[in-house]
């Protein structure tokens, strides 16, 4: 009977773990995913907004150069790219209507000509377009913003394009995910310790009550449960004690 009572206690603890801790883990994982998604959206949106602002203001700055001849205009692009201040964080590209790089802050005619869809969309839609994904040439994850450059006669003569690697953003997001997951583990650990202590204070006297009740069932009439609890467990113990005394008295009367 003692083993049966202990088995029931373990069953109750297992049920608590599955119900409470299982739900807590599921909700915690959802919260971690939401936190990561929110921070990811904020980081990417912030970088995109900055690049769009740069693309718009730089395009407006170059609007005054669009009355020059093509050669003078392209030379202005090269000079501007060479003197670009933020070349450590961003690459500034000037791309002609055929998709070829005319100038870059990484050097004149730097690298292969880009093939991402933001360039064609910027020229076709005459609007600022973005691209987030892998660089087809290097496989590195990048964010690019392209702004069309419209000549004085309305002709699209090229695209001004800002490009940056998202590796720093991605590392920051991974760091946030790790910190959030660690915080979830700490919370689950605290819940397990506090919950296990609370469950122990319930299941231990409950196991004693089950053990005494089994003894009464097996004929040990009059036996009493020793308890100092004044809650529901104490009420249950007192009720069983009263029944045990009554059964013992009835048994004595029948014997007499």
Protein backbone atom coordinates (compact mmCIF):
# COMPACT_ATOMS: atom_id res chain seq x y z
CA UNK A 1 0.00 0.00 0.00
CA UNK A 2 2.93 2.29 0.77
CA UNK A 3 4.39 1.72 -2.70
CA UNK A 4 0.97 2.29 -4.24
CA UNK A 5 0.66 5.62 -2.41
CA UNK A 6 4.12 6.67 -3.55
CA UNK A 7 3.26 5.66 -7.10
CA UNK A 8 0.16 7.88 -6.96
CA UNK A 9 2.26 10.78 -5.65
CA UNK A 10 4.73 10.36 -8.51
CA UNK A 11 1.80 10.22 -10.90
CA UNK A 12 0.46 13.52 -9.57
CA UNK A 13 3.90 15.14 -9.83
CA UNK A 14 4.26 13.86 -13.39
CA UNK A 15 0.83 15.18 -14.27
CA UNK A 16 1.76 18.59 -12.83
CA UNK A 17 4.98 18.63 -14.83
CA UNK A 18 3.19 17.77 -18.06
CA UNK A 19 0.34 20.22 -17.57
CA UNK A 20 1.97 23.25 -15.95
CA UNK A 21 5.57 23.05 -17.10
CA UNK A 22 4.57 21.87 -20.56
CA UNK A 23 2.24 24.81 -21.04
CA UNK A 24 4.84 27.18 -19.57
CA UNK A 25 7.50 25.91 -21.99
CA UNK A 26 5.16 26.30 -24.95
CA UNK A 27 4.15 29.84 -23.96
CA UNK A 28 7.76 30.71 -23.20
CA UNK A 29 8.93 29.56 -26.63
CA UNK A 30 6.16 31.59 -28.24
CA UNK A 31 7.27 34.64 -26.24
CA UNK A 32 10.89 34.11 -27.27
CA UNK A 33 9.87 33.88 -30.93
CA UNK A 34 7.75 37.02 -30.62
CA UNK A 35 10.60 38.94 -28.94
CA UNK A 36 13.07 37.84 -31.63
CA UNK A 37 10.60 38.71 -34.39
CA UNK A 38 9.91 42.16 -32.91
CA UNK A 39 13.59 43.01 -32.48
CA UNK A 40 14.39 41.64 -35.94
CA UNK A 41 11.66 43.78 -37.49
CA UNK A 42 12.83 46.86 -35.58
CA UNK A 43 16.47 46.42 -36.54
CA UNK A 44 15.76 45.78 -40.21
CA UNK A 45 13.19 48.58 -40.38
CA UNK A 46 15.64 51.02 -38.80
CA UNK A 47 18.40 50.16 -41.26
CA UNK A 48 15.99 50.28 -44.19
CA UNK A 49 14.64 53.68 -43.15
CA UNK A 50 18.18 55.07 -42.87
CA UNK A 51 19.14 53.72 -46.29
CA UNK A 52 15.96 55.01 -47.91
CA UNK A 53 16.62 58.45 -46.43
CA UNK A 54 20.18 58.40 -47.72
CA UNK A 55 19.06 57.25 -51.17
CA UNK A 56 16.38 59.94 -51.40
CA UNK A 57 18.59 62.80 -50.22
CA UNK A 58 21.56 61.73 -52.37
CA UNK A 59 19.32 61.41 -55.42
CA UNK A 60 17.94 64.88 -54.75
CA UNK A 61 21.50 66.16 -54.38
CA UNK A 62 22.47 64.71 -57.75
CA UNK A 63 19.37 66.15 -59.43
CA UNK A 64 21.39 69.32 -59.99
CA UNK A 65 24.04 67.35 -61.90
CA UNK A 66 21.60 65.71 -64.28
CA UNK A 67 21.76 68.65 -66.71
CA UNK A 68 25.40 67.89 -67.36
CA UNK A 69 26.62 65.72 -70.20
CA UNK A 70 26.76 61.99 -69.55
CA UNK A 71 30.54 62.04 -69.20
CA UNK A 72 30.47 64.95 -66.76
CA UNK A 73 27.67 63.30 -64.82
CA UNK A 74 29.48 59.96 -64.51
CA UNK A 75 32.67 61.75 -63.46
CA UNK A 76 30.66 63.51 -60.73
CA UNK A 77 29.40 60.11 -59.58
CA UNK A 78 32.93 58.73 -59.38
CA UNK A 79 34.15 61.73 -57.41
CA UNK A 80 31.23 61.53 -54.98
CA UNK A 81 31.73 57.79 -54.47
CA UNK A 82 35.44 58.22 -53.80
CA UNK A 83 34.72 60.83 -51.12
CA UNK A 84 31.86 58.86 -49.52
CA UNK A 85 32.32 59.10 -45.73
CA UNK A 86 30.52 55.94 -44.56
CA UNK A 87 32.26 53.46 -46.83
CA UNK A 88 33.14 51.25 -43.85
CA UNK A 89 29.45 50.58 -43.17
CA UNK A 90 27.82 51.07 -46.57
CA UNK A 91 28.72 50.69 -50.20
CA UNK A 92 27.47 53.41 -52.50
CA UNK A 93 27.01 52.33 -56.11
CA UNK A 94 26.09 54.21 -59.25
CA UNK A 95 24.65 51.87 -61.86
CA UNK A 96 23.82 52.82 -65.44
CA UNK A 97 20.66 51.92 -67.31
CA UNK A 98 22.27 48.70 -68.59
CA UNK A 99 22.88 47.49 -65.01
CA UNK A 100 26.64 48.05 -65.04
CA UNK A 101 28.44 49.69 -62.12
CA UNK A 102 29.72 53.12 -63.12
CA UNK A 103 31.21 54.05 -59.74
CA UNK A 104 31.42 52.55 -56.28
CA UNK A 105 32.69 53.70 -52.91
CA UNK A 106 34.78 50.49 -52.97
CA UNK A 107 36.58 51.79 -56.04
CA UNK A 108 35.70 52.58 -59.61
CA UNK A 109 34.04 49.60 -61.32
CA UNK A 110 34.40 47.60 -58.10
CA UNK A 111 33.18 44.03 -58.14
CA UNK A 112 30.70 42.33 -60.42
CA UNK A 113 27.58 44.12 -61.60
CA UNK A 114 24.70 43.37 -59.20
CA UNK A 115 21.72 41.35 -60.41
CA UNK A 116 19.24 41.77 -57.55
CA UNK A 117 15.67 42.72 -58.45
CA UNK A 118 15.68 46.10 -56.68
CA UNK A 119 17.62 47.70 -59.54
CA UNK A 120 15.17 46.77 -62.30
CA UNK A 121 12.17 47.56 -60.08
CA UNK A 122 13.58 51.01 -59.25
CA UNK A 123 13.97 51.82 -62.95
CA UNK A 124 10.63 50.33 -64.00
CA UNK A 125 8.57 51.81 -61.15
CA UNK A 126 10.56 55.05 -60.89
CA UNK A 127 10.58 54.65 -57.13
CA UNK A 128 12.94 53.62 -54.32
CA UNK A 129 13.03 49.82 -53.99
CA UNK A 130 14.74 47.51 -51.50
CA UNK A 131 16.25 44.05 -51.55
CA UNK A 132 16.96 41.79 -48.56
CA UNK A 133 18.58 38.45 -49.17
CA UNK A 134 21.75 36.80 -50.37
CA UNK A 135 24.17 38.54 -52.64
CA UNK A 136 24.10 36.39 -55.82
CA UNK A 137 27.82 36.93 -56.28
CA UNK A 138 29.15 36.23 -52.78
CA UNK A 139 26.31 34.47 -50.97
CA UNK A 140 26.48 37.04 -48.15
CA UNK A 141 23.21 38.33 -46.74
CA UNK A 142 22.73 41.97 -47.68
CA UNK A 143 20.21 44.78 -47.69
CA UNK A 144 20.16 47.07 -50.72
CA UNK A 145 18.13 50.17 -51.52
CA UNK A 146 18.00 51.49 -55.10
CA UNK A 147 16.77 54.91 -56.19
CA UNK A 148 16.24 55.80 -59.88
CA UNK A 149 18.19 58.70 -61.34
CA UNK A 150 16.05 60.53 -63.88
CA UNK A 151 17.64 62.77 -66.50
CA UNK A 152 16.22 66.21 -67.27
CA UNK A 153 14.31 64.82 -70.28
CA UNK A 154 12.61 62.17 -68.11
CA UNK A 155 14.95 59.37 -69.18
CA UNK A 156 16.11 56.88 -66.55
CA UNK A 157 19.88 56.99 -66.87
CA UNK A 158 20.74 54.78 -63.93
CA UNK A 159 20.27 53.87 -60.30
CA UNK A 160 21.86 55.11 -57.10
CA UNK A 161 22.22 52.10 -54.81
CA UNK A 162 23.21 51.68 -51.17
CA UNK A 163 24.30 48.22 -50.01
CA UNK A 164 25.15 46.92 -46.55
CA UNK A 165 25.82 43.54 -45.01
CA UNK A 166 23.22 42.28 -42.54
CA UNK A 167 25.71 40.07 -40.70
CA UNK A 168 25.96 42.51 -37.77
CA UNK A 169 22.16 42.72 -37.52
CA UNK A 170 21.85 38.94 -37.73
CA UNK A 171 24.46 38.47 -34.99
CA UNK A 172 22.57 40.92 -32.78
CA UNK A 173 19.32 39.05 -33.39
CA UNK A 174 21.00 35.72 -32.56
CA UNK A 175 22.36 37.29 -29.35
CA UNK A 176 18.88 38.48 -28.40
CA UNK A 177 17.49 35.00 -29.13
CA UNK A 178 20.13 33.39 -26.89
CA UNK A 179 19.52 35.85 -24.05
CA UNK A 180 15.73 35.40 -24.34
CA UNK A 181 16.07 31.61 -24.34
CA UNK A 182 18.40 31.74 -21.32
CA UNK A 183 15.87 33.97 -19.51
CA UNK A 184 13.17 31.41 -20.35
CA UNK A 185 15.31 28.62 -18.87
CA UNK A 186 15.82 30.67 -15.70
CA UNK A 187 12.08 31.27 -15.37
CA UNK A 188 11.33 27.58 -15.94
CA UNK A 189 13.98 26.66 -13.36
CA UNK A 190 12.47 29.01 -10.78
CA UNK A 191 8.99 27.67 -11.50
CA UNK A 192 10.22 24.09 -11.20
CA UNK A 193 11.93 24.71 -7.85
CA UNK A 194 9.07 26.72 -6.33
CA UNK A 195 6.41 24.47 -7.81
CA UNK A 196 8.20 21.31 -6.73
CA UNK A 197 8.44 22.64 -3.17
CA UNK A 198 4.76 23.57 -3.20
CA UNK A 199 3.75 20.22 -4.65
CA UNK A 200 5.94 18.47 -2.08
CA UNK A 201 4.11 20.21 0.78
CA UNK A 202 0.86 18.85 -0.66
CA UNK A 203 1.87 15.39 -1.82
CA UNK A 204 3.86 14.39 1.28
CA UNK A 205 0.94 14.71 3.73
CA UNK A 206 -1.37 13.34 1.03
CA UNK A 207 0.84 10.26 0.78
CA UNK A 208 0.62 9.79 4.56
CA UNK A 209 -3.15 10.13 4.39
CA UNK A 210 -3.32 7.53 1.62
CA UNK A 211 -1.10 5.18 3.64
CA UNK A 212 -3.25 5.51 6.78
CA UNK A 213 -6.45 5.14 4.76
CA UNK A 214 -5.14 1.88 3.29
CA UNK A 215 -4.33 0.60 6.79
CA UNK A 216 -7.87 1.43 7.92
CA UNK A 217 -9.23 -0.39 4.89
CA UNK A 218 -7.14 -3.44 5.84
CA UNK A 219 -8.65 -3.52 9.35
CA UNK A 220 -6.51 -1.19 11.46
CA UNK A 221 -9.56 0.59 12.84
CA UNK A 222 -9.04 3.54 15.19
CA UNK A 223 -5.66 4.50 13.79
CA UNK A 224 -5.19 8.26 13.58
CA UNK A 225 -3.50 10.56 11.07
CA UNK A 226 -1.06 12.99 12.68
CA UNK A 227 -1.31 16.32 10.91
CA UNK A 228 -0.69 19.96 11.78
CA UNK A 229 -2.31 21.38 8.67
CA UNK A 230 -5.37 23.62 9.03
CA UNK A 231 -6.19 23.74 5.31
CA UNK A 232 -8.10 21.29 3.08
CA UNK A 233 -5.56 18.56 3.82
CA UNK A 234 -6.14 19.02 7.54
CA UNK A 235 -9.92 18.82 7.01
CA UNK A 236 -9.49 15.61 5.00
CA UNK A 237 -7.25 14.11 7.71
CA UNK A 238 -9.71 15.04 10.48
CA UNK A 239 -12.60 13.54 8.51
CA UNK A 240 -10.74 10.26 8.05
CA UNK A 241 -9.78 10.28 11.75
CA UNK A 242 -13.45 10.69 12.75
CA UNK A 243 -14.52 7.89 10.42
CA UNK A 244 -11.73 5.69 11.77
CA UNK A 245 -12.92 6.26 15.37
CA UNK A 246 -16.55 5.57 14.44
CA UNK A 247 -15.61 2.40 12.61
CA UNK A 248 -13.53 1.31 15.60
CA UNK A 249 -16.44 1.98 18.00
CA UNK A 250 -18.89 0.13 15.75
CA UNK A 251 -16.46 -2.80 15.55
CA UNK A 252 -16.18 -2.86 19.37
CA UNK A 253 -19.98 -2.76 19.76
CA UNK A 254 -20.38 -5.65 17.32
CA UNK A 255 -17.70 -7.62 19.17
CA UNK A 256 -19.41 -7.02 22.53
